[in-house]
Amino acid sequence: MKDLSDNRIVIGLSGGVDSTTAALLLKEAGMEVTGYYFDVLGNNVKGVENAARAAEEIGIDFIHEDVSQEFRDIVIRNFCDEYMNGRTPNPCVLCNPNIKFKKMIETADRIGAKYISTGHYGRIAKDEINDLYFVRMGASYKKDQSYMLYRLGQDILSRIRFPIGGIEDKDNTRSIARKHHMFNADASDSQEICFVSSESGGYVKYIENLGFRAEKGNFVDRNGKVLGKHSGLINYTIGQRKGLGITFGRPAFVTAIDPQSNTVTLGRNDELFEREIFSKDNFFAATSGSEIPEIYGKNPRVMAKIRYAAKPSPATVSQTEDGRLLTLFDEPQRAATPGQSVVFYIDDMVIGGGFIDYK
């Protein structure tokens, strides 16, 4: 590892307007910027070309790397396994610490850059008393991406810069890119799952094309009464109403999925609300550990989100005897989904979170 320069920074450059604008702002601030594109598909020629073009127009160095093997082993394998077991994964949450930021840190170390950066709508806060770094919500409530970043440890957080985290409106981001005559200033936002193209027919077809086959099973009600046949667990998620392939003459929602019995429970909307939510594989930024850090006390009061687009809601977090966490919300939450994350905030600062688990 080279000596790290305070003036050098590696930015994850996707070719989209957010990362491009972030790179522009870093360069304007006098940083020596290197764009880095990690190819999760291994053959994403268009993605590499767009990122390289952005780097050329900005006037910065550019590196791209094929990370497809690691991405398949870590992210795609988990994605398929989770759906096959009746859970609904969020691949970005897993990719960020294990692929994206890990690879950026490795690249920064290799070229002697002290800092890394992305076009995320988030900010970094430092707790001076405890000498700790945390992700803060972005200034744009609509675009805030702090939820996706909760599993980053101090080794990464201490070196991150989020140049567009203080921008309150996406139009302002585009305006900066337009001012510099960037080719992607008005490009549409990227799709939600970067490795599942619209041409592939959606995530179900994608999983099936990899050789996974979900067995048909029974729709049941809350008492176990068989209501009909479902087409495989990968087709359903908690809270789903459309695409069930079964009618009752009244609205029906997926209220539970049981991979052991291969059943999907259908019920009323009000049956989706609950206050107690368990989580496993928890992570706290202060310690990079799974247990509640001492600095927060035994049963900390937090604001918590159970999905990316959810509104933070007041709750109390406690440790359970089996090593999981129990988040007790003041108000019932709708459709807590195993595989998704519950993320904990104190004020606007992310302190940790975990993967929602079955009770």
Protein backbone atom coordinates (compact mmCIF):
# COMPACT_ATOMS: atom_id res chain seq x y z
CA MET A 1 0.00 0.00 0.00
CA LYS A 2 1.32 3.41 -0.99
CA ASP A 3 1.41 6.41 1.34
CA LEU A 4 -2.09 7.88 1.19
CA SER A 5 -2.50 11.43 -0.08
CA ASP A 6 -5.09 13.70 1.57
CA ASN A 7 -5.71 15.30 -1.81
CA ARG A 8 -6.44 12.11 -3.74
CA ILE A 9 -9.87 10.50 -3.90
CA VAL A 10 -11.45 7.55 -5.73
CA ILE A 11 -15.07 7.97 -6.73
CA GLY A 12 -17.42 5.20 -7.77
CA LEU A 13 -18.36 6.41 -11.25
CA SER A 14 -21.38 4.64 -12.72
CA GLY A 15 -21.89 6.94 -15.69
CA GLY A 16 -25.09 8.30 -14.15
CA VAL A 17 -25.74 11.93 -13.30
CA ASP A 18 -25.39 11.55 -9.51
CA SER A 19 -21.87 10.12 -9.48
CA THR A 20 -20.86 12.43 -12.34
CA THR A 21 -22.00 15.50 -10.42
CA ALA A 22 -20.24 14.26 -7.29
CA ALA A 23 -17.01 13.91 -9.29
CA LEU A 24 -17.42 17.42 -10.72
CA LEU A 25 -17.83 18.88 -7.22
CA LEU A 26 -14.76 17.04 -5.94
CA LYS A 27 -12.66 18.31 -8.83
CA GLU A 28 -13.92 21.86 -8.30
CA ALA A 29 -12.86 21.54 -4.66
CA GLY A 30 -9.29 20.90 -5.83
CA MET A 31 -9.17 17.14 -5.28
CA GLU A 32 -7.21 14.81 -7.55
CA VAL A 33 -10.06 12.53 -8.60
CA THR A 34 -9.97 9.04 -10.09
CA GLY A 35 -13.18 7.52 -11.42
CA TYR A 36 -13.72 3.84 -10.64
CA TYR A 37 -16.26 1.58 -12.35
CA PHE A 38 -16.86 -1.90 -11.00
CA ASP A 39 -18.50 -4.21 -13.52
CA VAL A 40 -20.79 -6.59 -11.65
CA LEU A 41 -21.82 -8.37 -14.85
CA GLY A 42 -18.35 -8.84 -16.30
CA ASN A 43 -19.56 -7.86 -19.77
CA ASN A 44 -21.29 -4.52 -19.23
CA VAL A 45 -19.70 -2.76 -22.20
CA LYS A 46 -22.27 0.04 -22.23
CA GLY A 47 -21.78 0.71 -18.52
CA VAL A 48 -18.00 0.91 -18.87
CA GLU A 49 -18.31 3.19 -21.92
CA ASN A 50 -20.68 5.60 -20.14
CA ALA A 51 -18.47 5.78 -17.06
CA ALA A 52 -15.34 6.27 -19.19
CA ARG A 53 -17.07 9.01 -21.17
CA ALA A 54 -18.08 10.79 -17.97
CA ALA A 55 -14.50 10.62 -16.71
CA GLU A 56 -13.18 11.99 -20.00
CA GLU A 57 -15.64 14.90 -20.04
CA ILE A 58 -14.83 15.76 -16.42
CA GLY A 59 -11.10 15.40 -17.10
CA ILE A 60 -10.17 12.77 -14.51
CA ASP A 61 -8.38 9.42 -14.54
CA PHE A 62 -10.49 6.30 -14.95
CA ILE A 63 -10.18 2.68 -13.78
CA HIS A 64 -12.60 -0.16 -14.36
CA GLU A 65 -12.58 -3.61 -12.84
CA ASP A 66 -14.44 -6.87 -13.44
CA VAL A 67 -15.90 -7.91 -10.06
CA SER A 68 -18.49 -10.29 -11.49
CA GLN A 69 -17.16 -13.45 -9.83
CA GLU A 70 -17.26 -11.98 -6.33
CA PHE A 71 -20.61 -10.37 -7.07
CA ARG A 72 -22.06 -13.72 -8.13
CA ASP A 73 -20.65 -15.50 -5.09
CA ILE A 74 -21.82 -12.93 -2.55
CA VAL A 75 -24.76 -10.93 -3.88
CA ILE A 76 -26.48 -12.98 -6.57
CA ARG A 77 -26.24 -16.25 -4.64
CA ASN A 78 -27.79 -14.56 -1.59
CA PHE A 79 -30.45 -12.90 -3.79
CA CYS A 80 -31.58 -16.26 -5.17
CA ASP A 81 -31.35 -18.12 -1.86
CA GLU A 82 -33.42 -15.49 -0.06
CA TYR A 83 -36.24 -15.53 -2.60
CA MET A 84 -36.23 -19.33 -2.71
CA ASN A 85 -36.67 -19.33 1.07
CA GLY A 86 -39.59 -16.93 1.11
CA ARG A 87 -37.64 -13.78 1.98
CA THR A 88 -37.32 -10.53 0.03
CA PRO A 89 -33.68 -9.42 -0.19
CA ASN A 90 -32.24 -5.98 -0.80
CA PRO A 91 -29.05 -6.64 -2.78
CA CYS A 92 -27.67 -3.10 -2.36
CA VAL A 93 -27.47 -3.55 1.41
CA LEU A 94 -25.23 -6.59 0.91
CA CYS A 95 -23.25 -5.19 -2.02
CA ASN A 96 -22.27 -1.91 -0.38
CA PRO A 97 -19.96 -3.27 2.36
CA ASN A 98 -18.90 -6.49 0.62
CA ILE A 99 -18.31 -5.36 -2.96
CA LYS A 100 -18.74 -1.66 -3.76
CA PHE A 101 -16.99 0.09 -0.89
CA LYS A 102 -14.60 -2.79 -0.26
CA LYS A 103 -13.34 -2.59 -3.85
CA MET A 104 -13.11 1.19 -3.73
CA ILE A 105 -11.01 1.07 -0.57
CA GLU A 106 -8.70 -1.50 -2.19
CA THR A 107 -8.35 0.71 -5.27
CA ALA A 108 -7.71 3.81 -3.18
CA ASP A 109 -5.00 2.01 -1.21
CA ARG A 110 -3.41 0.81 -4.43
CA ILE A 111 -3.13 4.27 -6.02
CA GLY A 112 -2.38 6.16 -2.81
CA ALA A 113 -5.72 7.93 -2.28
CA LYS A 114 -6.84 8.56 1.28
CA TYR A 115 -10.51 9.06 0.47
CA ILE A 116 -13.32 7.41 -1.46
CA SER A 117 -16.59 8.85 -2.66
CA THR A 118 -19.90 8.00 -4.33
CA GLY A 119 -22.97 9.79 -5.63
CA HIS A 120 -25.14 8.66 -2.72
CA TYR A 121 -27.59 11.09 -1.16
CA GLY A 122 -26.20 10.79 2.35
CA ARG A 123 -23.80 12.63 4.62
CA ILE A 124 -21.09 11.75 7.11
CA ALA A 125 -21.07 12.84 10.74
CA LYS A 126 -18.26 12.49 13.26
CA ASP A 127 -18.82 11.91 16.96
CA GLU A 128 -15.83 13.85 18.29
CA ILE A 129 -16.27 12.57 21.85
CA ASN A 130 -16.04 8.90 20.88
CA ASP A 131 -13.98 9.45 17.71
CA LEU A 132 -16.56 7.61 15.59
CA TYR A 133 -18.03 8.19 12.13
CA PHE A 134 -21.62 7.66 11.07
CA VAL A 135 -23.84 8.01 8.02
CA ARG A 136 -26.37 10.81 8.23
CA MET A 137 -29.53 11.22 6.19
CA GLY A 138 -29.11 13.23 3.02
CA ALA A 139 -30.51 16.74 2.88
CA SER A 140 -33.05 15.52 0.33
CA TYR A 141 -35.68 13.54 2.21
CA LYS A 142 -37.04 12.19 -1.08
CA LYS A 143 -33.66 10.96 -2.33
CA ASP A 144 -32.05 10.00 1.00
CA GLN A 145 -30.11 6.72 0.68
CA SER A 146 -28.79 6.36 4.23
CA TYR A 147 -30.92 3.23 4.75
CA MET A 148 -28.78 1.36 2.20
CA LEU A 149 -25.51 2.27 3.96
CA TYR A 150 -26.12 1.01 7.48
CA ARG A 151 -23.67 -1.90 7.29
CA LEU A 152 -20.54 0.23 6.68
CA GLY A 153 -17.86 0.03 9.37
CA GLN A 154 -15.43 2.62 10.72
CA ASP A 155 -12.70 1.54 8.28
CA ILE A 156 -14.92 2.73 5.44
CA LEU A 157 -16.88 5.54 7.09
CA SER A 158 -13.70 7.38 8.14
CA ARG A 159 -12.66 7.68 4.48
CA ILE A 160 -15.96 8.47 2.71
CA ARG A 161 -17.03 11.74 1.16
CA PHE A 162 -20.59 12.27 -0.15
CA PRO A 163 -20.43 15.49 -2.26
CA ILE A 164 -24.13 15.60 -3.21
CA GLY A 165 -25.45 14.63 0.21
CA GLY A 166 -26.26 18.25 0.99
CA ILE A 167 -28.24 18.81 -2.21
CA GLU A 168 -31.94 19.06 -1.45
CA ASP A 169 -33.38 18.43 -4.91
CA LYS A 170 -32.36 16.11 -7.77
CA ASP A 171 -33.01 18.96 -10.22
CA ASN A 172 -30.16 20.85 -8.57
CA THR A 173 -27.89 17.86 -9.20
CA ARG A 174 -28.88 17.86 -12.86
CA SER A 175 -28.35 21.63 -13.06
CA ILE A 176 -24.72 21.23 -12.02
CA ALA A 177 -24.21 18.58 -14.70
CA ARG A 178 -25.92 20.78 -17.30
CA LYS A 179 -23.70 23.72 -16.38
CA HIS A 180 -20.70 21.56 -17.27
CA HIS A 181 -22.42 20.28 -20.46
CA MET A 182 -22.27 16.66 -19.33
CA PHE A 183 -23.82 14.15 -21.74
CA ASN A 184 -25.83 12.46 -18.96
CA ALA A 185 -27.31 15.55 -17.30
CA ASP A 186 -30.86 14.54 -18.21
CA ALA A 187 -30.42 10.77 -18.29
CA SER A 188 -33.10 8.76 -16.50
CA ASP A 189 -32.36 7.25 -13.09
CA SER A 190 -30.94 3.74 -13.01
CA GLN A 191 -33.17 0.70 -12.41
CA GLU A 192 -33.63 -0.65 -8.90
CA ILE A 193 -31.77 -3.97 -9.34
CA CYS A 194 -28.63 -3.29 -11.36
CA PHE A 195 -28.09 -6.90 -12.47
CA VAL A 196 -31.69 -7.67 -13.52
CA SER A 197 -32.43 -6.03 -16.85
CA SER A 198 -35.95 -5.20 -18.01
CA GLU A 199 -35.35 -7.50 -20.99
CA SER A 200 -34.85 -10.49 -18.67
CA GLY A 201 -38.52 -10.47 -17.64
CA GLY A 202 -38.03 -9.42 -14.01
CA TYR A 203 -36.40 -11.00 -11.01
CA VAL A 204 -38.49 -14.22 -11.09
CA LYS A 205 -37.41 -15.05 -14.64
CA TYR A 206 -33.86 -14.06 -13.76
CA ILE A 207 -33.77 -16.54 -10.87
CA GLU A 208 -35.38 -19.28 -12.94
CA ASN A 209 -32.89 -18.70 -15.77
CA LEU A 210 -30.11 -19.45 -13.26
CA GLY A 211 -31.59 -22.91 -12.78
CA PHE A 212 -33.68 -22.39 -9.64
CA ARG A 213 -37.16 -23.90 -9.60
CA ALA A 214 -39.72 -22.94 -6.99
CA GLU A 215 -42.19 -25.67 -6.11
CA LYS A 216 -45.90 -24.99 -6.13
CA GLY A 217 -47.67 -25.11 -2.78
CA ASN A 218 -50.80 -24.06 -0.94
CA PHE A 219 -52.37 -20.72 -0.24
CA VAL A 220 -53.80 -20.92 3.29
CA ASP A 221 -55.68 -18.63 5.66
CA ARG A 222 -54.50 -17.75 9.15
CA ASN A 223 -56.09 -20.95 10.50
CA GLY A 224 -54.33 -23.19 7.97
CA LYS A 225 -57.34 -23.76 5.73
CA VAL A 226 -56.25 -24.41 2.14
CA LEU A 227 -57.54 -21.72 -0.22
CA GLY A 228 -55.85 -22.74 -3.45
CA LYS A 229 -52.47 -23.29 -5.09
CA HIS A 230 -49.58 -20.83 -5.33
CA SER A 231 -46.96 -20.92 -8.10
CA GLY A 232 -43.79 -20.89 -5.93
CA LEU A 233 -42.50 -18.77 -3.05
CA ILE A 234 -40.27 -16.58 -5.25
CA ASN A 235 -43.41 -15.00 -6.73
CA TYR A 236 -44.60 -13.47 -3.46
CA THR A 237 -43.65 -10.94 -0.83
CA ILE A 238 -45.30 -9.79 2.39
CA GLY A 239 -48.01 -7.21 1.73
CA GLN A 240 -48.52 -8.23 -1.90
CA ARG A 241 -52.05 -7.96 -3.28
CA LYS A 242 -51.73 -8.10 -7.06
CA GLY A 243 -50.64 -11.09 -9.10
CA LEU A 244 -51.84 -13.72 -6.63
CA GLY A 245 -53.71 -15.69 -9.27
CA ILE A 246 -56.61 -16.28 -6.92
CA THR A 247 -59.80 -14.31 -6.20
CA PHE A 248 -62.10 -14.13 -3.18
CA GLY A 249 -64.48 -11.31 -4.06
CA ARG A 250 -62.64 -9.16 -1.51
CA PRO A 251 -59.09 -7.79 -1.21
CA ALA A 252 -56.55 -10.40 -0.08
CA PHE A 253 -52.94 -9.78 0.91
CA VAL A 254 -49.92 -11.98 1.53
CA THR A 255 -49.58 -11.87 5.32
CA ALA A 256 -47.01 -14.66 5.85
CA ILE A 257 -44.70 -16.97 3.90
CA ASP A 258 -43.56 -20.26 5.42
CA PRO A 259 -40.66 -21.94 3.58
CA GLN A 260 -40.84 -25.00 5.86
CA SER A 261 -44.38 -25.92 4.81
CA ASN A 262 -44.14 -24.13 1.45
CA THR A 263 -47.31 -22.17 2.20
CA VAL A 264 -48.36 -18.59 1.54
CA THR A 265 -50.86 -17.16 4.01
CA LEU A 266 -53.49 -14.74 2.72
CA GLY A 267 -55.48 -12.39 4.87
CA ARG A 268 -56.81 -8.90 5.45
CA ASN A 269 -54.80 -5.69 5.27
CA ASP A 270 -55.16 -5.07 9.02
CA GLU A 271 -53.40 -8.40 9.69
CA LEU A 272 -50.20 -6.96 8.19
CA PHE A 273 -49.66 -4.51 11.06
CA GLU A 274 -47.43 -5.38 14.02
CA ARG A 275 -45.31 -3.63 16.64
CA GLU A 276 -42.74 -6.36 17.37
CA ILE A 277 -40.11 -6.95 14.69
CA PHE A 278 -37.14 -9.29 15.10
CA SER A 279 -33.87 -8.92 13.23
CA LYS A 280 -30.78 -11.11 12.76
CA ASP A 281 -27.21 -10.54 11.52
CA ASN A 282 -27.35 -7.10 13.10
CA PHE A 283 -24.62 -4.51 12.61
CA PHE A 284 -23.71 -1.34 14.49
CA ALA A 285 -21.33 1.20 12.99
CA ALA A 286 -19.77 2.12 16.35
CA THR A 287 -18.34 -1.36 16.93
CA SER A 288 -18.90 -3.23 13.64
CA GLY A 289 -20.55 -5.78 15.93
CA SER A 290 -24.02 -7.28 16.29
CA GLU A 291 -24.77 -6.35 19.90
CA ILE A 292 -26.08 -2.98 21.02
CA PRO A 293 -23.04 -0.78 21.80
CA GLU A 294 -22.72 0.37 25.41
CA ILE A 295 -22.75 4.03 24.38
CA TYR A 296 -26.49 3.71 23.58
CA GLY A 297 -27.52 2.02 26.82
CA LYS A 298 -29.30 -1.31 27.23
CA ASN A 299 -32.59 -0.53 25.48
CA PRO A 300 -32.04 2.54 23.29
CA ARG A 301 -34.81 4.67 21.93
CA VAL A 302 -34.45 5.13 18.18
CA MET A 303 -36.24 6.11 15.04
CA ALA A 304 -36.46 3.03 12.82
CA LYS A 305 -37.33 2.20 9.20
CA ILE A 306 -38.42 -1.22 7.97
CA ARG A 307 -37.93 -0.46 4.27
CA TYR A 308 -36.11 2.06 2.10
CA ALA A 309 -39.13 4.25 1.37
CA ALA A 310 -40.68 4.00 4.87
CA LYS A 311 -41.02 6.93 7.21
CA PRO A 312 -38.84 6.61 10.36
CA SER A 313 -40.95 5.69 13.37
CA PRO A 314 -40.14 5.79 17.12
CA ALA A 315 -39.18 2.47 18.68
CA THR A 316 -37.21 0.75 21.46
CA VAL A 317 -34.51 -1.80 20.65
CA SER A 318 -33.55 -4.69 22.94
CA GLN A 319 -31.32 -7.76 22.79
CA THR A 320 -32.96 -11.19 22.81
CA GLU A 321 -31.58 -14.35 24.39
CA ASP A 322 -31.02 -15.97 21.00
CA GLY A 323 -28.76 -13.12 19.82
CA ARG A 324 -31.33 -11.36 17.69
CA LEU A 325 -32.73 -7.89 18.29
CA LEU A 326 -36.34 -7.01 19.05
CA THR A 327 -37.54 -3.65 17.78
CA LEU A 328 -40.72 -2.59 19.57
CA PHE A 329 -42.40 0.22 17.64
CA ASP A 330 -44.66 2.73 19.34
CA GLU A 331 -47.10 2.37 16.46
CA PRO A 332 -47.76 -0.79 14.42
CA GLN A 333 -45.83 -1.07 11.17
CA ARG A 334 -47.28 -2.47 7.96
CA ALA A 335 -45.81 -5.47 6.16
CA ALA A 336 -42.48 -6.03 7.91
CA THR A 337 -40.79 -8.28 5.37
CA PRO A 338 -38.18 -10.95 6.22
CA GLY A 339 -35.02 -10.32 4.21
CA GLN A 340 -35.48 -6.56 4.19
CA SER A 341 -33.71 -4.45 6.84
CA VAL A 342 -34.79 -2.59 9.92
CA VAL A 343 -32.45 0.41 10.25
CA PHE A 344 -31.95 2.43 13.43
CA TYR A 345 -31.48 6.20 13.60
CA ILE A 346 -30.74 8.60 16.43
CA ASP A 347 -31.89 11.97 15.14
CA ASP A 348 -30.76 11.81 11.48
CA MET A 349 -27.77 9.56 12.14
CA VAL A 350 -27.66 5.87 11.23
CA ILE A 351 -26.37 3.79 14.14
CA GLY A 352 -27.06 0.30 12.78
CA GLY A 353 -29.66 -2.23 11.77
CA GLY A 354 -30.28 -5.84 10.84
CA PHE A 355 -32.17 -8.17 8.53
CA ILE A 356 -35.82 -8.65 9.43
CA ASP A 357 -36.43 -12.22 10.55
CA TYR A 358 -39.40 -14.50 11.06
CA LYS A 359 -40.78 -14.52 14.59
